[in-house]
Each structure stands twice: as structure tokens, then as C-alpha cells.
Amino acid sequence: MVISLICGVILCFFGFRLFRFAMSLAGFILGAGIGYFIYSLTAGSLPDKGGGFWVLVFMGAGGILLGILSYNIYKASLFYISMLVTAFVVLKIFLMTVGSGVGLTAFFMVLIGNTRVGGVADSITDISIGGNGTVGTAVANALSNLPGSTQSEKFWIVVAIAVIAGAIVGTVVCILQKPAIIVITSLFGGILITQSVFSLIGSAGTFDISAGTIVKAFSEGNGQPALTILVAVAFIVIGIIVQFKTVKKSRNSK
């Protein structure tokens, strides 16, 4: 969460000026998220090492690998990072508005029927999300508004919409370059800042680096979706303004 906060600040306010570095940071965060999801699928069959060993290994390995790849092919990574970030944002907004702010990973885990995380949490679906019930009820409510007769069908509809939107945005970003890069890095950075700040506040006083804390942060999401959206929008707008102004000043000084 601390690393996400630092990466969020860099992406939100310096994404265009530090483009190659920003792409590697974005790749690291996305890779860590993918690593966490893989950990969630395999945690039950891993030997017990205690604490947060395996979750940190999976997140660290995923983050480093995608971060290095994004740094080395930073121009090509612009498309897939923009696509994945947009898909993430679409799904996140969907869960914040109709899913009580439930975490994205928990949403996927419930949908594929794998709700156990190696004893860290008996069931992701039972994790409380404040006064809005549990993760399981939030996901069920989110899916009830979608077309489709089964959870699997509803799942693929949501993912398809998010991926299509991501592909469109990724193409536009590659065509427009500067303004699109500023917007997409501010967007991703603002969301990371907000998510990290709310997660840190929520775990204040009981914070540790155990797998339990990380699982809860990823699964529970933000318990106040309306406030979270407002704060995220504020950071995104400020980031866009700051980036456009700093880029303009640096060009004028030259």
C-alpha cells in the first residue's frame, strides 16, 4: 500500500515528464495485482511459510517482471498499460457504484467460485464491508443488475465491456500521445493514491505486512465508495492540471 501510494504520486503528477519510468511503475503495480490474483488461486496448495511470505513473493515477482518488461518496451507498453488501466477503472467504477466498493480481486474470486485464500481468510465472501454487508452480498447485488442467466455469463459481459473500452482508450492514447498520456497517468495515479490512502487509514493501528492485512485490503475494497470516487476525481483533476502546467513551463524555459 505504501509502494502504491508512492507510485501513485509519481504517476499522477510526473507521468508525462518521467514517461519511461512511469510506464515501468505502472507495469510494476499491474504486475503486482496479477501476482496477487495468481496467489489467490494457488494459496491453498502452497506450503505454510507464515506471515505474508507467499503473497509478497507472488506480488513482488509479478511486479518486477512486468515492470522490467514495461521499462524495456516502454513505447509498446503504452498500449497494454492504457488498456489494462482503463479496464481496471471501468470495473472499479462498476463495483464502487453498484457493488458497495468491493475489491476487484474479491469480485473475480467470487465469480470463478474460488473464495478461499489458503486459510488467511476462511472465505473472501464473508469479509465485512462496513454497514453494507459482506463481500459476497455486494458481488451478488452488483451482478443482479446485469443481463445473463448465470454468474459466468454476467462475468464475461462485465469483462468484455471493460476490455473493449480499454482497447479503444489504448488506441486513442497511442494516437494522441502527449495529452492522452497525461490523462491516463493522472487517472491511474489518482486512483492509486486514493486507494492507498483509504487502505492505510482503514488499517491504522493494526497495520502489519502479513498476508491477512493484504488480503483484507484487496478484498474489502473501500467502504465509502461515494467519498472514494470524489477524492479520486479530485486527485485526477489536480494531476492533469499540474502535468499540463509543468510540461508547458519546461518547454517555455527551453
Protein backbone atom coordinates (compact mmCIF):
# COMPACT_ATOMS: atom_id res chain seq x y z
CA MET A 1 0.00 0.00 0.00
CA VAL A 2 2.87 2.36 0.78
CA ILE A 3 4.59 1.48 -2.51
CA SER A 4 1.28 2.02 -4.34
CA LEU A 5 0.96 5.45 -2.74
CA ILE A 6 4.46 6.50 -3.84
CA CYS A 7 3.89 5.15 -7.37
CA GLY A 8 0.54 6.91 -7.48
CA VAL A 9 2.09 10.29 -6.68
CA ILE A 10 4.76 9.87 -9.36
CA LEU A 11 2.25 8.75 -11.99
CA CYS A 12 -0.34 11.39 -11.12
CA PHE A 13 1.97 14.41 -11.13
CA PHE A 14 5.02 13.39 -13.19
CA GLY A 15 3.64 10.75 -15.59
CA PHE A 16 4.50 12.56 -18.83
CA ARG A 17 7.82 14.11 -17.80
CA LEU A 18 9.05 10.75 -16.46
CA PHE A 19 7.30 8.74 -19.16
CA ARG A 20 9.58 5.70 -19.33
CA PHE A 21 9.89 5.49 -15.55
CA ALA A 22 6.12 6.00 -15.22
CA MET A 23 5.47 3.09 -17.59
CA SER A 24 7.71 0.84 -15.52
CA LEU A 25 5.91 1.91 -12.32
CA ALA A 26 2.52 1.28 -13.88
CA GLY A 27 3.74 -2.10 -15.08
CA PHE A 28 5.00 -2.90 -11.57
CA ILE A 29 1.64 -2.09 -9.96
CA LEU A 30 -0.33 -4.04 -12.57
CA GLY A 31 2.09 -6.96 -12.29
CA ALA A 32 1.76 -6.98 -8.51
CA GLY A 33 -2.01 -7.11 -8.87
CA ILE A 34 -1.75 -10.01 -11.31
CA GLY A 35 0.67 -11.73 -8.93
CA TYR A 36 -1.79 -11.34 -6.06
CA PHE A 37 -4.57 -12.87 -8.15
CA ILE A 38 -2.36 -15.87 -9.04
CA TYR A 39 -1.50 -16.22 -5.34
CA SER A 40 -5.22 -16.24 -4.50
CA LEU A 41 -5.77 -19.14 -6.91
CA THR A 42 -2.83 -21.21 -5.65
CA ALA A 43 -2.62 -20.29 -1.95
CA GLY A 44 -4.37 -23.47 -0.78
CA SER A 45 -1.67 -25.72 -2.27
CA LEU A 46 1.36 -23.72 -1.07
CA PRO A 47 3.42 -24.84 1.95
CA ASP A 48 2.89 -22.73 5.06
CA LYS A 49 5.74 -20.25 5.46
CA GLY A 50 3.99 -17.95 7.93
CA GLY A 51 3.25 -14.25 7.78
CA GLY A 52 2.90 -12.81 4.32
CA PHE A 53 5.74 -14.69 2.67
CA TRP A 54 3.93 -16.16 -0.35
CA VAL A 55 1.68 -13.20 -1.06
CA LEU A 56 4.73 -10.92 -1.08
CA VAL A 57 6.66 -13.35 -3.29
CA PHE A 58 3.88 -13.53 -5.88
CA MET A 59 3.19 -9.79 -5.86
CA GLY A 60 6.89 -8.95 -5.92
CA ALA A 61 7.68 -11.35 -8.76
CA GLY A 62 4.71 -10.18 -10.85
CA GLY A 63 5.52 -6.53 -10.24
CA ILE A 64 9.22 -6.85 -11.05
CA LEU A 65 8.66 -8.89 -14.22
CA LEU A 66 6.01 -6.60 -15.71
CA GLY A 67 7.90 -3.52 -14.50
CA ILE A 68 11.10 -4.60 -16.29
CA LEU A 69 9.15 -5.51 -19.43
CA SER A 70 7.38 -2.14 -19.42
CA TYR A 71 10.68 -0.29 -18.96
CA ASN A 72 12.37 -2.09 -21.85
CA ILE A 73 9.46 -1.72 -24.30
CA TYR A 74 8.03 1.48 -22.81
CA LYS A 75 6.55 2.73 -26.10
CA ALA A 76 4.78 -0.55 -26.83
CA SER A 77 3.75 -0.84 -23.18
CA LEU A 78 1.79 2.39 -23.57
CA PHE A 79 -0.99 0.46 -25.32
CA TYR A 80 -1.35 -2.52 -22.98
CA ILE A 81 -0.93 -0.42 -19.83
CA SER A 82 -3.55 2.06 -21.07
CA MET A 83 -5.84 -0.83 -21.97
CA LEU A 84 -5.41 -2.62 -18.62
CA VAL A 85 -5.69 0.60 -16.61
CA THR A 86 -8.91 1.53 -18.42
CA ALA A 87 -10.36 -1.95 -17.93
CA PHE A 88 -9.41 -1.71 -14.25
CA VAL A 89 -11.07 1.72 -13.95
CA VAL A 90 -14.26 0.55 -15.67
CA LEU A 91 -14.54 -2.46 -13.35
CA LYS A 92 -13.61 -0.38 -10.30
CA ILE A 93 -16.26 2.25 -11.05
CA PHE A 94 -18.81 -0.52 -11.61
CA LEU A 95 -18.01 -2.06 -8.21
CA MET A 96 -17.95 1.31 -6.45
CA THR A 97 -21.31 2.38 -7.82
CA VAL A 98 -23.32 -0.87 -7.67
CA GLY A 99 -21.10 -3.22 -5.67
CA SER A 100 -20.61 -1.27 -2.42
CA GLY A 101 -16.94 -0.65 -3.23
CA VAL A 102 -15.96 -4.31 -3.03
CA GLY A 103 -12.38 -5.11 -4.05
CA LEU A 104 -11.70 -6.08 -7.66
CA THR A 105 -9.81 -9.24 -6.74
CA ALA A 106 -12.65 -10.42 -4.50
CA PHE A 107 -15.07 -9.81 -7.36
CA PHE A 108 -13.09 -12.10 -9.66
CA MET A 109 -12.55 -14.71 -6.97
CA VAL A 110 -16.24 -14.95 -6.13
CA LEU A 111 -17.19 -15.18 -9.79
CA ILE A 112 -14.87 -18.10 -10.53
CA GLY A 113 -16.01 -19.87 -7.36
CA ASN A 114 -12.61 -19.83 -5.65
CA THR A 115 -13.31 -17.88 -2.48
CA ARG A 116 -10.79 -19.48 -0.14
CA VAL A 117 -7.33 -17.97 0.29
CA GLY A 118 -5.14 -20.59 1.92
CA GLY A 119 -6.56 -20.19 5.42
CA VAL A 120 -5.68 -16.48 5.51
CA ALA A 121 -9.37 -15.67 5.34
CA ASP A 122 -11.80 -18.55 5.72
CA SER A 123 -13.81 -17.10 2.86
CA ILE A 124 -13.41 -13.87 0.94
CA THR A 125 -17.19 -13.72 0.65
CA ASP A 126 -17.55 -13.43 4.44
CA ILE A 127 -15.31 -10.36 4.79
CA SER A 128 -17.38 -7.47 6.11
CA ILE A 129 -17.53 -4.19 4.18
CA GLY A 130 -18.78 -1.92 6.92
CA GLY A 131 -22.50 -1.36 7.10
CA ASN A 132 -23.03 -2.73 3.60
CA GLY A 133 -22.98 -6.44 4.44
CA THR A 134 -20.27 -8.77 3.16
CA VAL A 135 -18.21 -9.10 0.00
CA GLY A 136 -20.43 -11.97 -1.12
CA THR A 137 -23.66 -9.97 -0.87
CA ALA A 138 -22.06 -6.95 -2.55
CA VAL A 139 -20.92 -9.04 -5.52
CA ALA A 140 -24.34 -10.67 -5.77
CA ASN A 141 -26.01 -7.24 -5.79
CA ALA A 142 -23.59 -5.98 -8.43
CA LEU A 143 -24.32 -8.93 -10.71
CA SER A 144 -28.09 -8.81 -10.27
CA ASN A 145 -28.36 -5.71 -12.49
CA LEU A 146 -26.59 -7.33 -15.44
CA PRO A 147 -28.04 -9.37 -18.32
CA GLY A 148 -27.32 -13.07 -18.39
CA SER A 149 -28.81 -16.10 -16.65
CA THR A 150 -25.69 -17.31 -14.80
CA GLN A 151 -22.83 -15.69 -12.87
CA SER A 152 -20.40 -16.85 -15.56
CA GLU A 153 -22.37 -15.07 -18.29
CA LYS A 154 -22.65 -11.89 -16.24
CA PHE A 155 -18.91 -12.07 -15.51
CA TRP A 156 -17.95 -12.25 -19.17
CA ILE A 157 -20.28 -9.38 -20.05
CA VAL A 158 -18.60 -7.13 -17.49
CA VAL A 159 -15.09 -8.18 -18.55
CA ALA A 160 -15.90 -7.82 -22.28
CA ILE A 161 -17.18 -4.27 -21.79
CA ALA A 162 -14.11 -3.34 -19.75
CA VAL A 163 -11.65 -4.87 -22.25
CA ILE A 164 -13.33 -3.28 -25.27
CA ALA A 165 -13.29 0.11 -23.54
CA GLY A 166 -9.63 -0.47 -22.67
CA ALA A 167 -8.68 -1.34 -26.26
CA ILE A 168 -10.38 1.81 -27.54
CA VAL A 169 -8.66 4.03 -24.98
CA GLY A 170 -5.30 2.32 -25.59
CA THR A 171 -5.58 3.06 -29.32
CA VAL A 172 -6.56 6.69 -28.68
CA VAL A 173 -3.67 7.15 -26.22
CA CYS A 174 -1.16 5.84 -28.78
CA ILE A 175 -2.54 8.20 -31.44
CA LEU A 176 -2.82 11.37 -29.34
CA GLN A 177 0.35 10.77 -27.30
CA LYS A 178 1.01 13.79 -25.01
CA PRO A 179 -2.48 14.82 -23.79
CA ALA A 180 -3.64 11.21 -23.58
CA ILE A 181 -0.51 10.15 -21.67
CA ILE A 182 -1.08 12.97 -19.17
CA VAL A 183 -4.72 11.99 -18.67
CA ILE A 184 -4.11 8.23 -18.37
CA THR A 185 -1.17 8.59 -15.94
CA SER A 186 -3.12 11.12 -13.84
CA LEU A 187 -6.10 8.78 -13.86
CA PHE A 188 -4.12 5.74 -12.76
CA GLY A 189 -2.08 7.76 -10.27
CA GLY A 190 -5.12 9.42 -8.72
CA ILE A 191 -6.82 6.05 -8.22
CA LEU A 192 -3.68 4.54 -6.68
CA ILE A 193 -3.26 7.48 -4.30
CA THR A 194 -6.88 7.32 -3.17
CA GLN A 195 -6.97 3.55 -2.80
CA SER A 196 -3.69 3.52 -0.87
CA VAL A 197 -4.69 6.37 1.46
CA PHE A 198 -8.07 4.81 2.31
CA SER A 199 -6.47 1.39 2.83
CA LEU A 200 -3.81 2.84 5.12
CA ILE A 201 -6.42 4.78 7.11
CA GLY A 202 -8.56 1.66 7.40
CA SER A 203 -5.67 -0.37 8.80
CA ALA A 204 -4.28 2.36 11.08
CA GLY A 205 -3.36 0.97 14.47
CA THR A 206 -3.39 -2.65 13.30
CA PHE A 207 -1.15 -2.36 10.25
CA ASP A 208 1.34 -5.10 9.51
CA ILE A 209 2.74 -6.82 6.40
CA SER A 210 1.01 -10.14 6.97
CA ALA A 211 -0.94 -11.84 4.23
CA GLY A 212 -4.13 -11.28 6.23
CA THR A 213 -3.82 -7.50 6.05
CA ILE A 214 -3.07 -7.56 2.32
CA VAL A 215 -5.92 -9.97 1.57
CA LYS A 216 -8.37 -7.80 3.51
CA ALA A 217 -7.22 -4.63 1.74
CA PHE A 218 -7.59 -6.20 -1.72
CA SER A 219 -10.85 -7.97 -0.93
CA GLU A 220 -12.74 -5.49 1.18
CA GLY A 221 -12.11 -2.53 -1.10
CA ASN A 222 -13.15 0.91 0.12
CA GLY A 223 -16.14 1.00 2.46
CA GLN A 224 -17.13 4.51 1.39
CA PRO A 225 -17.39 4.38 -2.41
CA ALA A 226 -19.00 7.83 -2.83
CA LEU A 227 -16.28 9.57 -0.83
CA THR A 228 -13.59 7.48 -2.54
CA ILE A 229 -14.82 8.50 -6.00
CA LEU A 230 -14.88 12.20 -5.04
CA VAL A 231 -11.33 12.07 -3.63
CA ALA A 232 -10.07 10.13 -6.67
CA VAL A 233 -11.64 12.61 -9.09
CA ALA A 234 -10.05 15.49 -7.16
CA PHE A 235 -6.57 13.92 -7.40
CA ILE A 236 -7.05 13.09 -11.09
CA VAL A 237 -8.10 16.67 -11.97
CA ILE A 238 -5.25 18.18 -9.94
CA GLY A 239 -2.78 15.75 -11.55
CA ILE A 240 -3.93 16.67 -15.08
CA ILE A 241 -3.67 20.40 -14.34
CA VAL A 242 -0.25 20.08 -12.71
CA GLN A 243 1.14 17.93 -15.53
CA PHE A 244 -0.08 20.24 -18.31
CA LYS A 245 1.33 23.28 -16.50
CA THR A 246 4.71 21.72 -15.70
CA VAL A 247 5.14 20.40 -19.24
CA LYS A 248 4.26 23.82 -20.66
CA LYS A 249 6.71 25.59 -18.32
CA SER A 250 9.52 23.19 -19.16
CA ARG A 251 9.01 23.82 -22.89
CA ASN A 252 8.84 27.59 -22.42
CA SER A 253 12.06 27.56 -20.42
CA LYS A 254 13.79 25.78 -23.29
